PDB file of N, CA and C in Angstrom:
ATOM      1  N   MET A   1       3.414 -10.968 -24.250  1.00  0.00           N
ATOM      2  CA  MET A   1       2.532 -10.523 -23.186  1.00  0.00           C
ATOM      3  C   MET A   1       3.212  -9.366 -22.444  1.00  0.00           C
ATOM      4  N   THR A   2       2.489  -8.302 -22.228  1.00  0.00           N
ATOM      5  CA  THR A   2       3.036  -7.157 -21.509  1.00  0.00           C
ATOM      6  C   THR A   2       2.594  -7.204 -20.058  1.00  0.00           C
ATOM      7  N   LYS A   3       3.458  -6.736 -19.207  1.00  0.00           N
ATOM      8  CA  LYS A   3       3.161  -6.716 -17.782  1.00  0.00           C
ATOM      9  C   LYS A   3       2.677  -5.320 -17.407  1.00  0.00           C
ATOM     10  N   HIS A   4       1.550  -5.248 -16.748  1.00  0.00           N
ATOM     11  CA  HIS A   4       0.991  -3.966 -16.331  1.00  0.00           C
ATOM     12  C   HIS A   4       1.649  -3.519 -15.032  1.00  0.00           C
ATOM     13  N   TYR A   5       2.063  -2.271 -14.993  1.00  0.00           N
ATOM     14  CA  TYR A   5       2.667  -1.730 -13.778  1.00  0.00           C
ATOM     15  C   TYR A   5       2.070  -0.368 -13.495  1.00  0.00           C
ATOM     16  N   ASN A   6       1.561  -0.202 -12.307  1.00  0.00           N
ATOM     17  CA  ASN A   6       0.971   1.056 -11.882  1.00  0.00           C
ATOM     18  C   ASN A   6       1.961   1.749 -10.952  1.00  0.00           C
ATOM     19  N   PRO A   7       2.607   2.833 -11.385  1.00  0.00           N
ATOM     20  CA  PRO A   7       3.589   3.494 -10.515  1.00  0.00           C
ATOM     21  C   PRO A   7       2.967   4.085  -9.252  1.00  0.00           C
ATOM     22  N   ALA A   8       1.670   4.348  -9.256  1.00  0.00           N
ATOM     23  CA  ALA A   8       1.022   4.869  -8.051  1.00  0.00           C
ATOM     24  C   ALA A   8       0.933   3.805  -6.968  1.00  0.00           C
ATOM     25  N   ALA A   9       1.046   2.530  -7.361  1.00  0.00           N
ATOM     26  CA  ALA A   9       0.933   1.433  -6.404  1.00  0.00           C
ATOM     27  C   ALA A   9       2.297   0.953  -5.911  1.00  0.00           C
ATOM     28  N   ALA A  10       3.319   1.736  -6.106  1.00  0.00           N
ATOM     29  CA  ALA A  10       4.652   1.333  -5.662  1.00  0.00           C
ATOM     30  C   ALA A  10       4.802   1.559  -4.153  1.00  0.00           C
ATOM     31  N   PRO A  11       5.258   0.547  -3.429  1.00  0.00           N
ATOM     32  CA  PRO A  11       5.499   0.725  -1.991  1.00  0.00           C
ATOM     33  C   PRO A  11       6.610   1.744  -1.755  1.00  0.00           C
ATOM     34  N   ARG A  12       6.424   2.592  -0.761  1.00  0.00           N
ATOM     35  CA  ARG A  12       7.424   3.616  -0.434  1.00  0.00           C
ATOM     36  C   ARG A  12       7.891   3.420   1.006  1.00  0.00           C
ATOM     37  N   PRO A  13       9.198   3.238   1.193  1.00  0.00           N
ATOM     38  CA  PRO A  13       9.688   3.086   2.565  1.00  0.00           C
ATOM     39  C   PRO A  13       9.671   4.400   3.342  1.00  0.00           C
ATOM     40  N   ASP A  14       9.741   5.525   2.639  1.00  0.00           N
ATOM     41  CA  ASP A  14       9.703   6.827   3.312  1.00  0.00           C
ATOM     42  C   ASP A  14       8.266   7.348   3.295  1.00  0.00           C
ATOM     43  N   GLN A  15       7.687   7.456   4.468  1.00  0.00           N
ATOM     44  CA  GLN A  15       6.297   7.859   4.596  1.00  0.00           C
ATOM     45  C   GLN A  15       6.203   9.194   5.320  1.00  0.00           C
ATOM     46  N   ASP A  16       5.146   9.929   5.040  1.00  0.00           N
ATOM     47  CA  ASP A  16       4.848  11.166   5.761  1.00  0.00           C
ATOM     48  C   ASP A  16       4.124  10.770   7.049  1.00  0.00           C
ATOM     49  N   THR A  17       4.894  10.594   8.111  1.00  0.00           N
ATOM     50  CA  THR A  17       4.320  10.081   9.355  1.00  0.00           C
ATOM     51  C   THR A  17       3.306  11.032   9.969  1.00  0.00           C
ATOM     52  N   GLU A  18       3.468  12.317   9.772  1.00  0.00           N
ATOM     53  CA  GLU A  18       2.502  13.284  10.316  1.00  0.00           C
ATOM     54  C   GLU A  18       1.149  13.157   9.626  1.00  0.00           C
ATOM     55  N   ALA A  19       1.153  12.966   8.306  1.00  0.00           N
ATOM     56  CA  ALA A  19      -0.109  12.793   7.578  1.00  0.00           C
ATOM     57  C   ALA A  19      -0.783  11.480   7.977  1.00  0.00           C
ATOM     58  N   ILE A  20       0.010  10.450   8.196  1.00  0.00           N
ATOM     59  CA  ILE A  20      -0.546   9.161   8.599  1.00  0.00           C
ATOM     60  C   ILE A  20      -1.119   9.258  10.007  1.00  0.00           C
ATOM     61  N   LYS A  21      -0.418   9.966  10.871  1.00  0.00           N
ATOM     62  CA  LYS A  21      -0.902  10.145  12.235  1.00  0.00           C
ATOM     63  C   LYS A  21      -2.169  10.992  12.247  1.00  0.00           C
ATOM     64  N   ALA A  22      -2.209  12.037  11.413  1.00  0.00           N
ATOM     65  CA  ALA A  22      -3.389  12.902  11.338  1.00  0.00           C
ATOM     66  C   ALA A  22      -4.599  12.152  10.772  1.00  0.00           C
ATOM     67  N   ALA A  23      -4.342  11.186   9.888  1.00  0.00           N
ATOM     68  CA  ALA A  23      -5.437  10.393   9.309  1.00  0.00           C
ATOM     69  C   ALA A  23      -5.882   9.276  10.245  1.00  0.00           C
ATOM     70  N   LYS A  24      -5.225   9.151  11.390  1.00  0.00           N
ATOM     71  CA  LYS A  24      -5.561   8.147  12.411  1.00  0.00           C
ATOM     72  C   LYS A  24      -5.509   6.721  11.857  1.00  0.00           C
ATOM     73  N   ILE A  25      -4.453   6.440  11.107  1.00  0.00           N
ATOM     74  CA  ILE A  25      -4.226   5.088  10.609  1.00  0.00           C
ATOM     75  C   ILE A  25      -3.695   4.257  11.777  1.00  0.00           C
ATOM     76  N   PRO A  26      -4.312   3.113  12.092  1.00  0.00           N
ATOM     77  CA  PRO A  26      -3.826   2.280  13.190  1.00  0.00           C
ATOM     78  C   PRO A  26      -2.394   1.793  12.948  1.00  0.00           C
ATOM     79  N   LEU A  27      -1.671   1.547  14.012  1.00  0.00           N
ATOM     80  CA  LEU A  27      -0.281   1.122  13.898  1.00  0.00           C
ATOM     81  C   LEU A  27      -0.139  -0.162  13.085  1.00  0.00           C
ATOM     82  N   ALA A  28      -1.090  -1.052  13.184  1.00  0.00           N
ATOM     83  CA  ALA A  28      -1.014  -2.318  12.445  1.00  0.00           C
ATOM     84  C   ALA A  28      -1.056  -2.103  10.931  1.00  0.00           C
ATOM     85  N   TRP A  29      -1.596  -1.000  10.468  1.00  0.00           N
ATOM     86  CA  TRP A  29      -1.711  -0.728   9.032  1.00  0.00           C
ATOM     87  C   TRP A  29      -0.649   0.230   8.519  1.00  0.00           C
ATOM     88  N   ARG A  30       0.263   0.660   9.373  1.00  0.00           N
ATOM     89  CA  ARG A  30       1.306   1.596   8.950  1.00  0.00           C
ATOM     90  C   ARG A  30       2.475   0.811   8.373  1.00  0.00           C
ATOM     91  N   ASP A  31       2.452   0.655   7.068  1.00  0.00           N
ATOM     92  CA  ASP A  31       3.518  -0.048   6.376  1.00  0.00           C
ATOM     93  C   ASP A  31       3.936   0.770   5.163  1.00  0.00           C
ATOM     94  N   THR A  32       4.536   0.137   4.181  1.00  0.00           N
ATOM     95  CA  THR A  32       5.030   0.871   3.013  1.00  0.00           C
ATOM     96  C   THR A  32       3.911   1.324   2.075  1.00  0.00           C
ATOM     97  N   CYS A  33       2.678   0.933   2.354  1.00  0.00           N
ATOM     98  CA  CYS A  33       1.543   1.335   1.512  1.00  0.00           C
ATOM     99  C   CYS A  33       0.570   2.259   2.233  1.00  0.00           C
ATOM    100  N   SER A  34       0.918   2.719   3.404  1.00  0.00           N
ATOM    101  CA  SER A  34      -0.029   3.534   4.167  1.00  0.00           C
ATOM    102  C   SER A  34      -0.272   4.904   3.527  1.00  0.00           C
ATOM    103  N   HIS A  35       0.632   5.357   2.646  1.00  0.00           N
ATOM    104  CA  HIS A  35       0.380   6.624   1.954  1.00  0.00           C
ATOM    105  C   HIS A  35      -0.839   6.526   1.045  1.00  0.00           C
ATOM    106  N   ILE A  36      -1.146   5.332   0.558  1.00  0.00           N
ATOM    107  CA  ILE A  36      -2.329   5.121  -0.273  1.00  0.00           C
ATOM    108  C   ILE A  36      -3.561   4.924   0.609  1.00  0.00           C
ATOM    109  N   LEU A  37      -3.365   4.313   1.766  1.00  0.00           N
ATOM    110  CA  LEU A  37      -4.479   4.062   2.683  1.00  0.00           C
ATOM    111  C   LEU A  37      -5.079   5.367   3.203  1.00  0.00           C
ATOM    112  N   VAL A  38      -4.276   6.413   3.323  1.00  0.00           N
ATOM    113  CA  VAL A  38      -4.793   7.716   3.765  1.00  0.00           C
ATOM    114  C   VAL A  38      -5.864   8.199   2.786  1.00  0.00           C
ATOM    115  N   ASP A  39      -5.553   8.158   1.494  1.00  0.00           N
ATOM    116  CA  ASP A  39      -6.514   8.600   0.477  1.00  0.00           C
ATOM    117  C   ASP A  39      -7.719   7.664   0.391  1.00  0.00           C
ATOM    118  N   LEU A  40      -7.477   6.363   0.526  1.00  0.00           N
ATOM    119  CA  LEU A  40      -8.572   5.392   0.465  1.00  0.00           C
ATOM    120  C   LEU A  40      -9.551   5.604   1.611  1.00  0.00           C
ATOM    121  N   ASN A  41      -9.047   5.763   2.819  1.00  0.00           N
ATOM    122  CA  ASN A  41      -9.941   5.972   3.961  1.00  0.00           C
ATOM    123  C   ASN A  41     -10.688   7.293   3.872  1.00  0.00           C
ATOM    124  N   LYS A  42     -10.053   8.324   3.326  1.00  0.00           N
ATOM    125  CA  LYS A  42     -10.738   9.605   3.136  1.00  0.00           C
ATOM    126  C   LYS A  42     -11.889   9.436   2.147  1.00  0.00           C
ATOM    127  N   CYS A  43     -11.638   8.725   1.055  1.00  0.00           N
ATOM    128  CA  CYS A  43     -12.694   8.458   0.075  1.00  0.00           C
ATOM    129  C   CYS A  43     -13.812   7.629   0.696  1.00  0.00           C
ATOM    130  N   ARG A  44     -13.458   6.640   1.499  1.00  0.00           N
ATOM    131  CA  ARG A  44     -14.472   5.811   2.148  1.00  0.00           C
ATOM    132  C   ARG A  44     -15.350   6.629   3.082  1.00  0.00           C
ATOM    133  N   ARG A  45     -14.743   7.502   3.868  1.00  0.00           N
ATOM    134  CA  ARG A  45     -15.536   8.332   4.785  1.00  0.00           C
ATOM    135  C   ARG A  45     -16.427   9.317   4.028  1.00  0.00           C
ATOM    136  N   ASP A  46     -15.908   9.869   2.930  1.00  0.00           N
ATOM    137  CA  ASP A  46     -16.685  10.827   2.144  1.00  0.00           C
ATOM    138  C   ASP A  46     -17.886  10.188   1.455  1.00  0.00           C
ATOM    139  N   THR A  47     -17.796   8.906   1.143  1.00  0.00           N
ATOM    140  CA  THR A  47     -18.879   8.219   0.430  1.00  0.00           C
ATOM    141  C   THR A  47     -19.666   7.271   1.334  1.00  0.00           C
ATOM    142  N   TRP A  48     -19.507   7.400   2.629  1.00  0.00           N
ATOM    143  CA  TRP A  48     -20.218   6.582   3.610  1.00  0.00           C
ATOM    144  C   TRP A  48     -19.983   5.102   3.362  1.00  0.00           C
ATOM    145  N   TRP A  49     -18.763   4.724   3.054  1.00  0.00           N
ATOM    146  CA  TRP A  49     -18.319   3.350   2.850  1.00  0.00           C
ATOM    147  C   TRP A  49     -19.133   2.618   1.779  1.00  0.00           C
ATOM    148  N   ASN A  50     -19.546   3.350   0.769  1.00  0.00           N
ATOM    149  CA  ASN A  50     -20.269   2.750  -0.350  1.00  0.00           C
ATOM    150  C   ASN A  50     -19.319   1.824  -1.112  1.00  0.00           C
ATOM    151  N   PRO A  51     -19.664   0.533  -1.264  1.00  0.00           N
ATOM    152  CA  PRO A  51     -18.745  -0.395  -1.916  1.00  0.00           C
ATOM    153  C   PRO A  51     -18.527  -0.118  -3.400  1.00  0.00           C
ATOM    154  N   ASN A  52     -19.423   0.636  -4.030  1.00  0.00           N
ATOM    155  CA  ASN A  52     -19.270   0.950  -5.449  1.00  0.00           C
ATOM    156  C   ASN A  52     -18.375   2.153  -5.699  1.00  0.00           C
ATOM    157  N   LYS A  53     -18.036   2.857  -4.659  1.00  0.00           N
ATOM    158  CA  LYS A  53     -17.170   4.031  -4.795  1.00  0.00           C
ATOM    159  C   LYS A  53     -15.756   3.640  -4.372  1.00  0.00           C
ATOM    160  N   CYS A  54     -14.800   4.447  -4.691  1.00  0.00           N
ATOM    161  CA  CYS A  54     -13.402   4.290  -4.262  1.00  0.00           C
ATOM    162  C   CYS A  54     -12.774   3.004  -4.793  1.00  0.00           C
ATOM    163  N   GLU A  55     -13.292   2.467  -5.884  1.00  0.00           N
ATOM    164  CA  GLU A  55     -12.747   1.222  -6.422  1.00  0.00           C
ATOM    165  C   GLU A  55     -11.309   1.405  -6.892  1.00  0.00           C
ATOM    166  N   HIS A  56     -11.022   2.539  -7.519  1.00  0.00           N
ATOM    167  CA  HIS A  56      -9.660   2.763  -8.007  1.00  0.00           C
ATOM    168  C   HIS A  56      -8.677   2.844  -6.842  1.00  0.00           C
ATOM    169  N   GLU A  57      -9.046   3.576  -5.790  1.00  0.00           N
ATOM    170  CA  GLU A  57      -8.164   3.710  -4.633  1.00  0.00           C
ATOM    171  C   GLU A  57      -7.946   2.359  -3.954  1.00  0.00           C
ATOM    172  N   ARG A  58      -9.026   1.573  -3.836  1.00  0.00           N
ATOM    173  CA  ARG A  58      -8.903   0.255  -3.209  1.00  0.00           C
ATOM    174  C   ARG A  58      -8.016  -0.671  -4.037  1.00  0.00           C
ATOM    175  N   HIS A  59      -8.194  -0.646  -5.349  1.00  0.00           N
ATOM    176  CA  HIS A  59      -7.370  -1.486  -6.215  1.00  0.00           C
ATOM    177  C   HIS A  59      -5.902  -1.069  -6.136  1.00  0.00           C
ATOM    178  N   THR A  60      -5.650   0.230  -6.112  1.00  0.00           N
ATOM    179  CA  THR A  60      -4.273   0.719  -6.004  1.00  0.00           C
ATOM    180  C   THR A  60      -3.650   0.278  -4.683  1.00  0.00           C
ATOM    181  N   PHE A  61      -4.414   0.344  -3.587  1.00  0.00           N
ATOM    182  CA  PHE A  61      -3.907  -0.076  -2.290  1.00  0.00           C
ATOM    183  C   PHE A  61      -3.615  -1.577  -2.284  1.00  0.00           C
ATOM    184  N   GLU A  62      -4.518  -2.372  -2.822  1.00  0.00           N
ATOM    185  CA  GLU A  62      -4.315  -3.819  -2.857  1.00  0.00           C
ATOM    186  C   GLU A  62      -3.130  -4.192  -3.741  1.00  0.00           C
ATOM    187  N   GLU A  63      -2.955  -3.479  -4.837  1.00  0.00           N
ATOM    188  CA  GLU A  63      -1.811  -3.718  -5.712  1.00  0.00           C
ATOM    189  C   GLU A  63      -0.508  -3.350  -5.010  1.00  0.00           C
ATOM    190  N   CYS A  64      -0.531  -2.273  -4.244  1.00  0.00           N
ATOM    191  CA  CYS A  64       0.644  -1.866  -3.479  1.00  0.00           C
ATOM    192  C   CYS A  64       0.989  -2.925  -2.434  1.00  0.00           C
ATOM    193  N   GLU A  65      -0.010  -3.455  -1.733  1.00  0.00           N
ATOM    194  CA  GLU A  65       0.234  -4.502  -0.739  1.00  0.00           C
ATOM    195  C   GLU A  65       0.832  -5.744  -1.407  1.00  0.00           C
ATOM    196  N   TYR A  66       0.351  -6.088  -2.583  1.00  0.00           N
ATOM    197  CA  TYR A  66       0.886  -7.241  -3.307  1.00  0.00           C
ATOM    198  C   TYR A  66       2.335  -6.987  -3.724  1.00  0.00           C
ATOM    199  N   ASN A  67       2.612  -5.786  -4.231  1.00  0.00           N
ATOM    200  CA  ASN A  67       3.980  -5.446  -4.618  1.00  0.00           C
ATOM    201  C   ASN A  67       4.914  -5.463  -3.411  1.00  0.00           C
ATOM    202  N   ALA A  68       4.435  -5.009  -2.262  1.00  0.00           N
ATOM    203  CA  ALA A  68       5.251  -5.044  -1.046  1.00  0.00           C
ATOM    204  C   ALA A  68       5.526  -6.491  -0.645  1.00  0.00           C
ATOM    205  N   TYR A  69       4.528  -7.352  -0.793  1.00  0.00           N
ATOM    206  CA  TYR A  69       4.715  -8.777  -0.508  1.00  0.00           C
ATOM    207  C   TYR A  69       5.787  -9.369  -1.422  1.00  0.00           C
ATOM    208  N   LEU A  70       5.720  -9.052  -2.706  1.00  0.00           N
ATOM    209  CA  LEU A  70       6.709  -9.567  -3.641  1.00  0.00           C
ATOM    210  C   LEU A  70       8.114  -9.079  -3.294  1.00  0.00           C
ATOM    211  N   GLN A  71       8.225  -7.828  -2.831  1.00  0.00           N
ATOM    212  CA  GLN A  71       9.529  -7.315  -2.411  1.00  0.00           C
ATOM    213  C   GLN A  71      10.056  -8.080  -1.204  1.00  0.00           C
ATOM    214  N   ARG A  72       9.189  -8.396  -0.245  1.00  0.00           N
ATOM    215  CA  ARG A  72       9.622  -9.154   0.933  1.00  0.00           C
ATOM    216  C   ARG A  72      10.055 -10.570   0.555  1.00  0.00           C
ATOM    217  N   VAL A  73       9.316 -11.195  -0.363  1.00  0.00           N
ATOM    218  CA  VAL A  73       9.678 -12.536  -0.816  1.00  0.00           C
ATOM    219  C   VAL A  73      11.037 -12.505  -1.510  1.00  0.00           C
ATOM    220  N   GLU A  74      11.243 -11.525  -2.370  1.00  0.00           N
ATOM    221  CA  GLU A  74      12.518 -11.406  -3.077  1.00  0.00           C
ATOM    222  C   GLU A  74      13.666 -11.134  -2.108  1.00  0.00           C
ATOM    223  N   ALA A  75      13.427 -10.315  -1.099  1.00  0.00           N
ATOM    224  CA  ALA A  75      14.458 -10.043  -0.101  1.00  0.00           C
ATOM    225  C   ALA A  75      14.804 -11.309   0.677  1.00  0.00           C
ATOM    226  N   LYS A  76      13.803 -12.119   0.981  1.00  0.00           N
ATOM    227  CA  LYS A  76      14.059 -13.378   1.700  1.00  0.00           C
ATOM    228  C   LYS A  76      14.847 -14.337   0.832  1.00  0.00           C
ATOM    229  N   VAL A  77      14.522 -14.421  -0.447  1.00  0.00           N
ATOM    230  CA  VAL A  77      15.256 -15.295  -1.363  1.00  0.00           C
ATOM    231  C   VAL A  77      16.708 -14.850  -1.454  1.00  0.00           C
ATOM    232  N   GLN A  78      16.930 -13.557  -1.570  1.00  0.00           N
ATOM    233  CA  GLN A  78      18.293 -13.041  -1.642  1.00  0.00           C
ATOM    234  C   GLN A  78      19.056 -13.289  -0.353  1.00  0.00           C
ATOM    235  N   LEU A  79      18.392 -13.153   0.781  1.00  0.00           N
ATOM    236  CA  LEU A  79      19.029 -13.400   2.062  1.00  0.00           C
ATOM    237  C   LEU A  79      19.423 -14.867   2.201  1.00  0.00           C
ATOM    238  N   GLU A  80      18.540 -15.752   1.809  1.00  0.00           N
ATOM    239  CA  GLU A  80      18.858 -17.181   1.873  1.00  0.00           C
ATOM    240  C   GLU A  80      19.960 -17.553   0.896  1.00  0.00           C
ATOM    241  N   LYS A  81      19.977 -16.883  -0.230  1.00  0.00           N
ATOM    242  CA  LYS A  81      20.964 -17.184  -1.248  1.00  0.00           C
ATOM    243  C   LYS A  81      22.359 -16.723  -0.842  1.00  0.00           C
ATOM    244  N   HIS A  82      22.443 -15.521  -0.281  1.00  0.00           N
ATOM    245  CA  HIS A  82      23.742 -14.930   0.039  1.00  0.00           C
ATOM    246  C   HIS A  82      24.064 -14.928   1.525  1.00  0.00           C
ATOM    247  N   GLY A  83      23.051 -15.057   2.352  1.00  0.00           N
ATOM    248  CA  GLY A  83      23.264 -14.957   3.793  1.00  0.00           C
ATOM    249  C   GLY A  83      23.771 -16.228   4.435  1.00  0.00           C
ATOM    250  N   LYS A  84      23.525 -17.349   3.831  1.00  0.00           N
ATOM    251  CA  LYS A  84      23.909 -18.615   4.469  1.00  0.00           C
ATOM    252  C   LYS A  84      25.157 -19.181   3.888  1.00  0.00           C
TER     253      LYS A  84
END
């Protein structure tokens, strides 16, 4: 079985804060995947929030959020393993 990996959905700790600020992303959504949320929200506004559009961008954003979650879980496991 092969594991599918989308490099576009990789969480990035270094973000373009000016682009995120210009896109008016709320502070609660500014995380390691907000670089994808900028493009997703632009697509949503351009298509009047049509649920049939922007599916690829939404899937990429959701995959990025999942990958970020897995990174946090792995970091916690490593911290518990070596930190205590």
